[in-house]
Amino acid sequence: MKQLNDILTDVATLKIIGTVDKPVDNIIFDSRKVGSDAAFVALKGTKTDGHQYINKAITSGATTIICEQLPDNLESDVTYIQVASSNEALGRLAANFFNNPSEQISLIGVTGTNGKTTTVTLLHQLFSELGYKVGLLSTVENKIGDRIVAANFTTPYPMELNGLLAEMVDTGCEFAFMEVSSHAIAQRRIAGLKFKGGVFSNLTQDHLDYHKTFKEYLYAKKRFFDELPADAFSLVNTDDRNGKVMVQNTTSKVISYALRSMADYKVKIIENRLSGLVLQLDGHEFYSHLIGEFNAYNLLAVYTTAVLLEEEPKDVLVALSKLNAVEGRFEYLVNKKRDIIGIVDYSHTPDALEKVLKTITTLRTGNERVITVVGCGGDRDRTKRPIMAGIACEWSDQVILTSDNPRSEDPEAIIKEMEAGVSVIAKSKALSITNREQAIKAACQMANSGDIILIAGKGHEKYQEINGVKHPFDDKEILKENLMN
């Protein structure tokens, strides 16, 4: 339990009505979870406004209300704190509630459209290999050392986020690597955190259902670097044209990495095969189990981050060669009897899908066909649906359009929108099978010796969300069942 006046440090308040000399047992933004002595933060969401639930929160035991608009009727035994941004306040309150754990650990944030999960996971693997106890906050899972904690969001909400960081500190973690999503930046979930450094991977179309425009999406990412402190570093991919934009206003130390353009750190691909990559970096050649140019970028970002954190370069290169692929990121199975390769990848954006298919193209040695199974999620950016179908058809010999996570939408309607991106020329090689399991089964049945099957879009996910219900579903297991029999 904390005192209210202690957790108000660095919270910009407009007005305080009532005493701040009182206990706070918890900080809650969901009125259904309020208990006694709780501080309730009224957030304005995209669908609901927490200000409507202030009275309900008080009835449930909240003794402190943090809000942007004060209610008309005030309770005498309740403290009301008016702020300009409830989201910003929540982040700072949460950090204070857990004694600002990000100041007691070297926290690195990774942002961008693609590569975030792979980069933070590889950093966790690398620093563990180097002998450190490390924390991980990612889309796939959160880790405190070796202990796995389920992940519900790419970047957790402030109380969960700071609680996890506090546990990392308490258990002796020296570093924490976390994905920083555009939603988390825009919603100020990371307010109050102190980062040792930030990494930018790339920026392509995604989340326009939330950000509305690409410019808004870009500036959400940029804000992360704008707010890094002067003693932090910003590591940016300058092969991406948005890399320099990210750091236009940062006071942090800017470091660049690239494969093609001028940069502080560069890597050269010597070999890129299904068996892995051979890379030249800092005058040394090393082998990696990972595959594809996109992973060369990820490995370079990981190497550079480690060096910026003052690790010995040669030790880092040795450790890099031992790292394994991340779950659901270009994971592959091989049916040696049928000579067919099956690949599962999380590529759920146009850019990611194109990169994976281009990588597969470079791995082809003869007349192998590429069969792609792909869908698009419901209640998300609709504009990318025809684009992804078009990319799949451009880089594949056979395409099966199917359901992804339809959520509240009709899966067949989603597929219809994807079909609009299939050109007249490509129609002969594209078919639609709404049931995802049947689509994967069909791809395995139509594959011949030497063919490559790509199951794109869901990667590590172990469910399919339909009308608000998450049904057990694992692309890799279904692929294995149909490919290996």
Protein backbone atom coordinates (compact mmCIF):
# COMPACT_ATOMS: atom_id res chain seq x y z
CA MET A 1 0.00 0.00 0.00
CA LYS A 2 1.24 3.47 -0.91
CA GLN A 3 0.41 6.99 0.15
CA LEU A 4 -1.37 9.11 -2.44
CA ASN A 5 1.00 12.07 -2.03
CA ASP A 6 3.97 9.79 -2.81
CA ILE A 7 2.61 8.40 -6.06
CA LEU A 8 1.71 11.89 -7.35
CA THR A 9 5.39 12.70 -7.97
CA ASP A 10 5.86 14.10 -11.52
CA VAL A 11 2.12 13.86 -12.23
CA ALA A 12 0.95 17.14 -13.79
CA THR A 13 -2.22 18.05 -11.88
CA LEU A 14 -4.66 20.83 -12.74
CA LYS A 15 -6.72 20.72 -9.55
CA ILE A 16 -6.82 18.67 -6.34
CA ILE A 17 -9.98 18.50 -4.24
CA GLY A 18 -9.58 16.64 -0.95
CA THR A 19 -6.63 15.28 0.98
CA VAL A 20 -3.62 13.56 -0.58
CA ASP A 21 -2.58 12.19 2.82
CA LYS A 22 -4.33 8.88 2.40
CA PRO A 23 -3.50 5.28 1.46
CA VAL A 24 -3.81 3.85 -2.04
CA ASP A 25 -4.05 0.06 -2.26
CA ASN A 26 -4.21 -0.16 -6.05
CA ILE A 27 -4.54 1.92 -9.22
CA ILE A 28 -7.36 0.79 -11.50
CA PHE A 29 -8.82 2.01 -14.81
CA ASP A 30 -11.50 -0.70 -15.10
CA SER A 31 -14.38 0.12 -12.72
CA ARG A 32 -15.30 -3.59 -12.54
CA LYS A 33 -12.01 -4.31 -10.75
CA VAL A 34 -12.10 -1.53 -8.16
CA GLY A 35 -11.65 -2.49 -4.51
CA SER A 36 -11.31 -0.58 -1.23
CA ASP A 37 -8.79 2.28 -1.08
CA ALA A 38 -8.27 2.12 -4.84
CA ALA A 39 -7.39 5.06 -7.04
CA PHE A 40 -9.61 4.99 -10.13
CA VAL A 41 -8.25 6.59 -13.30
CA ALA A 42 -10.95 7.59 -15.78
CA LEU A 43 -9.58 6.99 -19.27
CA LYS A 44 -11.20 8.13 -22.50
CA GLY A 45 -11.02 5.07 -24.75
CA THR A 46 -11.97 4.57 -28.37
CA LYS A 47 -15.23 2.85 -27.40
CA THR A 48 -16.02 3.90 -23.84
CA ASP A 49 -15.27 6.84 -21.58
CA GLY A 50 -14.16 5.94 -18.07
CA HIS A 51 -15.64 9.18 -16.75
CA GLN A 52 -19.06 7.51 -17.04
CA TYR A 53 -18.03 4.96 -14.41
CA ILE A 54 -16.70 7.28 -11.70
CA ASN A 55 -19.75 6.81 -9.45
CA LYS A 56 -19.62 3.05 -9.91
CA ALA A 57 -15.94 3.07 -8.93
CA ILE A 58 -16.68 5.05 -5.79
CA THR A 59 -19.48 2.67 -4.84
CA SER A 60 -17.01 -0.22 -5.24
CA GLY A 61 -14.52 1.36 -2.85
CA ALA A 62 -12.44 3.90 -4.78
CA THR A 63 -11.33 6.73 -2.49
CA THR A 64 -9.35 8.65 -5.12
CA ILE A 65 -10.48 9.66 -8.61
CA ILE A 66 -8.07 10.84 -11.30
CA CYS A 67 -9.90 12.37 -14.26
CA GLU A 68 -9.78 14.97 -17.00
CA GLN A 69 -13.27 16.30 -16.23
CA LEU A 70 -14.51 16.62 -12.67
CA PRO A 71 -17.99 15.19 -12.02
CA ASP A 72 -20.81 17.58 -11.15
CA ASN A 73 -21.43 15.98 -7.75
CA LEU A 74 -18.45 15.44 -5.48
CA GLU A 75 -18.31 13.03 -2.54
CA SER A 76 -16.84 14.58 0.62
CA ASP A 77 -14.68 11.56 1.53
CA VAL A 78 -13.23 11.13 -1.96
CA THR A 79 -10.15 12.92 -3.32
CA TYR A 80 -10.54 14.21 -6.88
CA ILE A 81 -7.47 14.97 -8.99
CA GLN A 82 -7.98 16.69 -12.32
CA VAL A 83 -5.28 16.17 -14.96
CA ALA A 84 -4.83 17.17 -18.59
CA SER A 85 -4.25 13.55 -19.66
CA SER A 86 -5.52 10.60 -17.66
CA ASN A 87 -3.41 8.24 -19.79
CA GLU A 88 -0.24 10.18 -19.03
CA ALA A 89 -1.14 10.32 -15.34
CA LEU A 90 -1.80 6.57 -15.19
CA GLY A 91 1.66 5.79 -16.56
CA ARG A 92 3.40 8.02 -14.05
CA LEU A 93 1.23 6.89 -11.13
CA ALA A 94 1.99 3.25 -11.95
CA ALA A 95 5.74 3.90 -12.14
CA ASN A 96 5.66 5.66 -8.76
CA PHE A 97 3.47 2.94 -7.23
CA PHE A 98 6.17 0.35 -7.99
CA ASN A 99 9.07 2.63 -6.98
CA ASN A 100 10.11 3.43 -10.55
CA PRO A 101 11.65 0.07 -11.48
CA SER A 102 12.78 1.26 -14.93
CA GLU A 103 15.33 3.48 -13.17
CA GLN A 104 16.84 0.40 -11.49
CA ILE A 105 17.34 -1.72 -14.61
CA SER A 106 18.79 -1.12 -18.09
CA LEU A 107 15.58 -0.92 -20.12
CA ILE A 108 15.75 -1.11 -23.93
CA GLY A 109 12.66 -0.45 -26.06
CA VAL A 110 12.29 -1.72 -29.63
CA THR A 111 9.72 -0.19 -31.94
CA GLY A 112 8.83 -0.38 -35.64
CA THR A 113 6.32 -2.26 -37.78
CA ASN A 114 8.17 -5.55 -38.22
CA GLY A 115 10.98 -7.23 -36.32
CA LYS A 116 10.14 -6.05 -32.79
CA THR A 117 9.40 -9.49 -31.36
CA THR A 118 12.40 -11.13 -33.00
CA THR A 119 14.77 -8.38 -31.89
CA VAL A 120 13.75 -8.32 -28.22
CA THR A 121 13.64 -12.12 -28.04
CA LEU A 122 17.11 -12.41 -29.56
CA LEU A 123 18.38 -9.76 -27.14
CA HIS A 124 16.94 -11.79 -24.26
CA GLN A 125 18.63 -14.93 -25.60
CA LEU A 126 21.91 -13.10 -26.21
CA PHE A 127 22.24 -11.51 -22.79
CA SER A 128 21.21 -14.76 -21.12
CA GLU A 129 23.97 -16.48 -23.11
CA LEU A 130 26.38 -13.78 -21.90
CA GLY A 131 25.56 -14.75 -18.32
CA TYR A 132 23.06 -12.09 -17.28
CA LYS A 133 19.66 -12.49 -15.72
CA VAL A 134 17.32 -10.70 -18.12
CA GLY A 135 13.70 -9.63 -18.50
CA LEU A 136 11.58 -9.79 -21.66
CA LEU A 137 8.34 -8.03 -22.60
CA SER A 138 7.04 -9.19 -25.97
CA THR A 139 4.02 -10.10 -28.06
CA VAL A 140 4.69 -13.82 -27.66
CA GLU A 141 5.50 -13.93 -23.95
CA ASN A 142 6.96 -12.03 -21.02
CA LYS A 143 9.93 -13.48 -19.16
CA ILE A 144 11.50 -12.76 -15.80
CA GLY A 145 14.77 -14.62 -16.14
CA ASP A 146 13.62 -18.04 -17.33
CA ARG A 147 10.14 -17.76 -15.83
CA ILE A 148 7.44 -17.27 -18.46
CA VAL A 149 4.53 -14.91 -17.85
CA ALA A 150 1.66 -14.91 -20.35
CA ALA A 151 1.47 -11.86 -22.63
CA ASN A 152 -1.92 -10.28 -23.34
CA PHE A 153 -0.67 -7.22 -25.23
CA THR A 154 2.46 -6.32 -27.17
CA THR A 155 3.10 -3.65 -24.53
CA PRO A 156 1.17 -4.17 -21.26
CA TYR A 157 -0.89 -1.48 -19.56
CA PRO A 158 1.04 0.63 -17.00
CA MET A 159 0.26 -1.24 -13.77
CA GLU A 160 1.06 -4.65 -15.26
CA LEU A 161 4.07 -3.25 -17.10
CA ASN A 162 5.62 -1.62 -14.03
CA GLY A 163 4.69 -4.62 -11.89
CA LEU A 164 6.63 -6.90 -14.23
CA LEU A 165 9.60 -4.53 -14.27
CA ALA A 166 9.52 -4.37 -10.47
CA GLU A 167 9.60 -8.17 -10.27
CA MET A 168 12.54 -8.21 -12.68
CA VAL A 169 14.41 -5.80 -10.42
CA ASP A 170 13.52 -7.79 -7.28
CA THR A 171 14.79 -11.04 -8.82
CA GLY A 172 18.11 -9.56 -9.93
CA CYS A 173 17.57 -8.85 -13.64
CA GLU A 174 20.12 -6.36 -14.94
CA PHE A 175 18.54 -5.76 -18.35
CA ALA A 176 15.01 -5.72 -19.75
CA PHE A 177 14.11 -5.75 -23.43
CA MET A 178 10.62 -4.73 -24.43
CA GLU A 179 8.52 -4.20 -27.53
CA VAL A 180 7.08 -0.72 -27.69
CA SER A 181 3.91 -0.66 -29.80
CA SER A 182 2.46 2.41 -31.47
CA HIS A 183 -0.71 1.91 -29.41
CA ALA A 184 1.33 1.97 -26.20
CA ILE A 185 3.08 5.19 -27.22
CA ALA A 186 -0.15 6.91 -28.28
CA GLN A 187 -1.99 5.75 -25.16
CA ARG A 188 0.96 6.79 -22.94
CA ARG A 189 1.38 3.33 -21.41
CA ILE A 190 5.13 3.99 -21.31
CA ALA A 191 4.82 7.36 -19.56
CA GLY A 192 7.05 7.42 -16.49
CA LEU A 193 9.50 4.82 -17.81
CA LYS A 194 13.20 5.58 -18.17
CA PHE A 195 14.81 3.90 -21.16
CA LYS A 196 18.52 3.26 -21.54
CA GLY A 197 18.02 3.07 -25.29
CA GLY A 198 15.56 2.72 -28.14
CA VAL A 199 15.77 0.72 -31.37
CA PHE A 200 13.89 1.45 -34.60
CA SER A 201 13.47 -1.44 -37.06
CA ASN A 202 11.31 -0.17 -39.95
CA LEU A 203 7.99 1.46 -40.72
CA THR A 204 5.37 0.21 -43.17
CA GLN A 205 1.58 0.21 -43.31
CA ASP A 206 -0.11 -1.21 -40.21
CA HIS A 207 -2.68 -0.27 -37.54
CA LEU A 208 -4.39 2.34 -39.71
CA ASP A 209 -7.67 1.19 -38.17
CA TYR A 210 -6.42 2.92 -35.01
CA HIS A 211 -4.08 5.68 -36.22
CA LYS A 212 -6.21 6.56 -39.30
CA THR A 213 -3.28 7.89 -41.33
CA PHE A 214 0.28 6.73 -41.95
CA LYS A 215 1.55 10.12 -40.77
CA GLU A 216 -0.21 9.70 -37.44
CA TYR A 217 1.24 6.20 -37.13
CA LEU A 218 4.73 7.52 -37.94
CA TYR A 219 4.51 10.30 -35.36
CA ALA A 220 3.33 7.89 -32.69
CA LYS A 221 6.56 5.92 -33.22
CA LYS A 222 8.63 9.09 -33.44
CA ARG A 223 7.36 10.31 -30.07
CA PHE A 224 9.16 7.41 -28.39
CA PHE A 225 12.52 8.74 -29.61
CA ASP A 226 11.54 12.38 -29.01
CA GLU A 227 11.17 11.57 -25.31
CA LEU A 228 14.32 9.51 -24.76
CA PRO A 229 16.67 11.21 -22.27
CA ALA A 230 19.99 12.74 -23.29
CA ASP A 231 21.96 9.89 -21.68
CA ALA A 232 20.10 7.24 -23.73
CA PHE A 233 20.86 6.01 -27.25
CA SER A 234 18.63 5.85 -30.34
CA LEU A 235 19.60 3.06 -32.73
CA VAL A 236 17.88 3.47 -36.11
CA ASN A 237 17.79 1.54 -39.37
CA THR A 238 18.76 4.09 -42.02
CA ASP A 239 17.93 1.75 -44.90
CA ASP A 240 14.35 2.62 -43.97
CA ARG A 241 13.54 6.13 -45.21
CA ASN A 242 11.76 6.86 -41.93
CA GLY A 243 14.83 6.09 -39.83
CA LYS A 244 16.17 9.64 -39.92
CA VAL A 245 12.69 11.06 -39.28
CA MET A 246 12.47 9.09 -36.03
CA VAL A 247 15.42 10.94 -34.52
CA GLN A 248 14.91 14.46 -35.88
CA ASN A 249 14.05 15.87 -32.46
CA THR A 250 15.67 13.47 -30.04
CA THR A 251 18.26 14.62 -27.49
CA SER A 252 19.59 11.06 -27.19
CA LYS A 253 22.78 9.82 -28.85
CA VAL A 254 21.89 8.70 -32.40
CA ILE A 255 23.53 5.57 -33.84
CA SER A 256 22.69 4.10 -37.26
CA TYR A 257 22.72 0.59 -38.69
CA ALA A 258 22.11 -0.64 -42.24
CA LEU A 259 22.87 -3.19 -44.92
CA ARG A 260 22.92 -0.80 -47.89
CA SER A 261 23.21 2.86 -46.88
CA MET A 262 25.99 4.64 -45.00
CA ALA A 263 25.75 3.81 -41.30
CA ASP A 264 27.76 3.49 -38.10
CA TYR A 265 27.25 -0.28 -38.10
CA LYS A 266 26.87 -2.41 -41.23
CA VAL A 267 26.51 -6.10 -42.01
CA LYS A 268 27.13 -7.98 -45.25
CA ILE A 269 25.31 -11.16 -46.23
CA ILE A 270 27.82 -13.77 -47.45
CA GLU A 271 25.36 -16.68 -47.68
CA ASN A 272 21.58 -16.86 -47.29
CA ARG A 273 20.31 -20.42 -47.38
CA LEU A 274 17.65 -22.55 -45.73
CA SER A 275 20.41 -23.77 -43.41
CA GLY A 276 21.00 -20.22 -42.17
CA LEU A 277 22.95 -17.03 -42.76
CA VAL A 278 26.67 -16.36 -43.02
CA LEU A 279 27.29 -12.70 -42.20
CA GLN A 280 30.26 -10.39 -42.13
CA LEU A 281 30.14 -7.87 -39.30
CA ASP A 282 32.88 -5.72 -37.79
CA GLY A 283 35.47 -7.56 -39.87
CA HIS A 284 34.40 -11.01 -38.68
CA GLU A 285 32.34 -13.71 -40.36
CA PHE A 286 29.83 -15.66 -38.31
CA TYR A 287 27.05 -18.16 -38.88
CA SER A 288 23.44 -17.82 -37.70
CA HIS A 289 20.62 -20.37 -37.67
CA LEU A 290 18.25 -17.57 -38.73
CA ILE A 291 17.20 -17.17 -42.36
CA GLY A 292 16.61 -14.20 -44.66
CA GLU A 293 17.70 -10.63 -45.16
CA PHE A 294 15.16 -9.35 -42.63
CA ASN A 295 16.92 -11.43 -39.97
CA ALA A 296 20.27 -9.94 -41.02
CA TYR A 297 18.78 -6.59 -39.99
CA ASN A 298 17.49 -8.06 -36.72
CA LEU A 299 20.87 -9.62 -35.90
CA LEU A 300 22.68 -6.38 -36.70
CA ALA A 301 20.33 -4.44 -34.41
CA VAL A 302 20.92 -6.98 -31.63
CA TYR A 303 24.71 -6.89 -32.08
CA THR A 304 24.83 -3.09 -32.09
CA THR A 305 22.58 -2.82 -29.04
CA ALA A 306 24.85 -5.18 -27.13
CA VAL A 307 27.96 -3.20 -28.10
CA LEU A 308 26.26 0.05 -27.08
CA LEU A 309 25.55 -1.61 -23.73
CA GLU A 310 29.34 -2.08 -23.48
CA GLU A 311 29.54 -5.79 -24.17
CA GLU A 312 32.74 -7.13 -25.77
CA PRO A 313 32.15 -7.40 -29.57
CA LYS A 314 33.85 -10.78 -29.99
CA ASP A 315 31.84 -12.27 -27.11
CA VAL A 316 28.67 -10.92 -28.71
CA LEU A 317 29.49 -12.47 -32.10
CA VAL A 318 30.11 -15.87 -30.52
CA ALA A 319 26.83 -15.66 -28.64
CA LEU A 320 24.96 -14.49 -31.76
CA SER A 321 25.90 -17.68 -33.59
CA LYS A 322 24.11 -19.71 -30.90
CA LEU A 323 20.76 -17.90 -31.04
CA ASN A 324 17.65 -19.74 -32.21
CA ALA A 325 14.71 -18.61 -34.35
CA VAL A 326 11.79 -17.02 -32.55
CA GLU A 327 8.53 -18.97 -32.37
CA GLY A 328 6.27 -18.26 -35.33
CA ARG A 329 8.92 -16.28 -37.18
CA PHE A 330 10.00 -18.21 -40.29
CA GLU A 331 9.71 -21.52 -38.46
CA TYR A 332 9.92 -24.40 -40.89
CA LEU A 333 9.20 -28.12 -41.10
CA VAL A 334 10.59 -30.51 -43.70
CA ASN A 335 8.92 -33.68 -44.96
CA LYS A 336 12.04 -35.40 -46.26
CA LYS A 337 10.07 -38.28 -47.76
CA ARG A 338 7.92 -35.96 -49.88
CA ASP A 339 10.67 -33.31 -50.16
CA ILE A 340 8.28 -30.52 -49.12
CA ILE A 341 9.07 -27.57 -46.85
CA GLY A 342 6.40 -25.92 -44.70
CA ILE A 343 6.98 -22.47 -43.19
CA VAL A 344 4.94 -20.69 -40.50
CA ASP A 345 5.39 -16.94 -40.19
CA TYR A 346 3.65 -14.11 -38.35
CA SER A 347 3.78 -11.84 -41.42
CA HIS A 348 0.47 -9.99 -41.04
CA THR A 349 1.40 -6.75 -42.81
CA PRO A 350 2.03 -6.17 -46.53
CA ASP A 351 5.71 -5.42 -46.00
CA ALA A 352 6.33 -8.44 -43.78
CA LEU A 353 4.54 -10.78 -46.19
CA GLU A 354 6.52 -9.46 -49.15
CA LYS A 355 9.82 -9.80 -47.29
CA VAL A 356 9.10 -13.40 -46.31
CA LEU A 357 8.04 -14.34 -49.84
CA LYS A 358 11.10 -12.62 -51.34
CA THR A 359 13.26 -14.58 -48.91
CA ILE A 360 11.62 -17.82 -49.98
CA THR A 361 12.26 -16.86 -53.61
CA THR A 362 15.97 -16.46 -52.92
CA LEU A 363 16.03 -19.93 -51.32
CA ARG A 364 14.54 -21.63 -54.38
CA THR A 365 17.10 -23.64 -56.30
CA GLY A 366 15.01 -24.96 -59.20
CA ASN A 367 11.37 -25.28 -60.22
CA GLU A 368 9.89 -25.46 -56.73
CA ARG A 369 6.43 -23.94 -56.42
CA VAL A 370 5.53 -21.59 -53.58
CA ILE A 371 2.06 -22.18 -52.11
CA THR A 372 0.89 -19.42 -49.78
CA VAL A 373 -1.99 -19.60 -47.30
CA VAL A 374 -2.89 -16.15 -46.02
CA GLY A 375 -5.75 -14.25 -44.39
CA CYS A 376 -6.37 -10.85 -42.77
CA GLY A 377 -7.65 -10.09 -39.29
CA GLY A 378 -11.10 -8.68 -38.65
CA ASP A 379 -11.71 -5.32 -36.92
CA ARG A 380 -8.32 -4.12 -38.16
CA ASP A 381 -6.97 -2.04 -41.04
CA ARG A 382 -9.18 -2.99 -44.01
CA THR A 383 -7.04 -1.16 -46.57
CA LYS A 384 -4.26 -3.72 -46.36
CA ARG A 385 -6.50 -6.69 -47.28
CA PRO A 386 -6.37 -6.36 -51.09
CA ILE A 387 -2.72 -5.31 -50.89
CA MET A 388 -1.74 -8.50 -49.05
CA ALA A 389 -3.66 -10.69 -51.47
CA GLY A 390 -1.94 -8.96 -54.37
CA ILE A 391 1.50 -9.47 -52.83
CA ALA A 392 0.75 -13.14 -52.13
CA CYS A 393 -0.25 -13.66 -55.79
CA GLU A 394 2.75 -11.75 -57.13
CA TRP A 395 5.31 -13.84 -55.26
CA SER A 396 3.55 -17.24 -55.14
CA ASP A 397 2.63 -19.93 -57.63
CA GLN A 398 -0.55 -20.85 -55.78
CA VAL A 399 -2.46 -18.80 -53.19
CA ILE A 400 -5.21 -19.84 -50.81
CA LEU A 401 -7.07 -16.93 -49.24
CA THR A 402 -8.53 -17.92 -45.89
CA SER A 403 -9.71 -16.74 -42.50
CA ASP A 404 -7.27 -15.29 -39.95
CA ASN A 405 -8.78 -13.91 -36.73
CA PRO A 406 -12.12 -12.64 -38.06
CA ARG A 407 -13.11 -11.32 -34.61
CA SER A 408 -16.53 -9.67 -35.01
CA GLU A 409 -16.47 -9.61 -38.83
CA ASP A 410 -17.79 -12.14 -41.32
CA PRO A 411 -14.71 -14.07 -42.50
CA GLU A 412 -16.14 -14.49 -46.00
CA ALA A 413 -16.60 -10.72 -46.27
CA ILE A 414 -12.96 -10.23 -45.29
CA ILE A 415 -11.87 -12.69 -47.98
CA LYS A 416 -14.02 -10.85 -50.54
CA GLU A 417 -12.10 -7.66 -49.74
CA MET A 418 -8.83 -9.56 -50.18
CA GLU A 419 -10.00 -10.96 -53.53
CA ALA A 420 -10.30 -7.39 -54.83
CA GLY A 421 -6.49 -7.27 -54.83
CA VAL A 422 -6.12 -10.31 -57.09
CA SER A 423 -5.43 -9.22 -60.64
CA VAL A 424 -7.20 -10.74 -63.63
CA ILE A 425 -3.98 -12.50 -64.59
CA ALA A 426 -3.55 -13.98 -61.09
CA LYS A 427 -7.11 -15.23 -60.65
CA SER A 428 -6.23 -18.64 -62.04
CA LYS A 429 -3.77 -19.31 -59.22
CA ALA A 430 -5.86 -17.99 -56.33
CA LEU A 431 -8.67 -19.78 -54.54
CA SER A 432 -10.58 -19.08 -51.35
CA ILE A 433 -11.19 -21.55 -48.53
CA THR A 434 -12.78 -19.88 -45.52
CA ASN A 435 -11.96 -22.61 -42.98
CA ARG A 436 -8.30 -22.05 -42.09
CA GLU A 437 -7.64 -25.65 -41.10
CA GLN A 438 -9.06 -26.87 -44.42
CA ALA A 439 -6.98 -24.26 -46.26
CA ILE A 440 -3.77 -25.55 -44.66
CA LYS A 441 -4.81 -29.13 -45.39
CA ALA A 442 -5.49 -28.24 -49.04
CA ALA A 443 -2.07 -26.61 -49.40
CA CYS A 444 -0.38 -29.76 -48.09
CA GLN A 445 -2.41 -31.95 -50.46
CA MET A 446 -1.61 -29.91 -53.57
CA ALA A 447 2.13 -29.68 -52.81
CA ASN A 448 4.49 -31.76 -54.93
CA SER A 449 8.10 -32.76 -54.41
CA GLY A 450 10.31 -29.70 -53.89
CA ASP A 451 7.45 -27.29 -53.17
CA ILE A 452 7.45 -24.72 -50.36
CA ILE A 453 4.30 -23.97 -48.33
CA LEU A 454 3.98 -20.67 -46.45
CA ILE A 455 1.31 -20.33 -43.74
CA ALA A 456 1.24 -16.59 -43.07
CA GLY A 457 -0.39 -14.24 -40.59
CA LYS A 458 -0.74 -15.92 -37.21
CA GLY A 459 2.71 -17.28 -36.41
CA HIS A 460 3.02 -17.99 -32.69
CA GLU A 461 -0.69 -17.54 -31.89
CA LYS A 462 -2.39 -20.55 -30.34
CA TYR A 463 -5.95 -19.43 -31.02
CA GLN A 464 -8.37 -18.17 -33.64
CA GLU A 465 -10.66 -15.39 -32.44
CA ILE A 466 -14.22 -15.64 -33.77
CA ASN A 467 -17.04 -13.44 -32.43
CA GLY A 468 -15.19 -12.63 -29.23
CA VAL A 469 -14.25 -16.25 -28.47
CA LYS A 470 -10.68 -17.53 -28.75
CA HIS A 471 -10.76 -21.09 -30.09
CA PRO A 472 -7.64 -23.29 -29.82
CA PHE A 473 -5.78 -23.08 -33.13
CA ASP A 474 -2.09 -23.53 -33.89
CA ASP A 475 -0.85 -23.08 -37.48
CA LYS A 476 2.34 -25.02 -36.79
CA GLU A 477 0.56 -28.01 -35.27
CA ILE A 478 -2.00 -28.15 -38.07
CA LEU A 479 0.76 -27.84 -40.68
CA LYS A 480 2.72 -30.63 -38.96
CA GLU A 481 -0.33 -32.88 -38.81
CA ASN A 482 -1.05 -32.50 -42.52
CA LEU A 483 2.47 -32.19 -43.91
CA MET A 484 4.27 -34.91 -41.98
CA ASN A 485 1.70 -37.70 -42.45
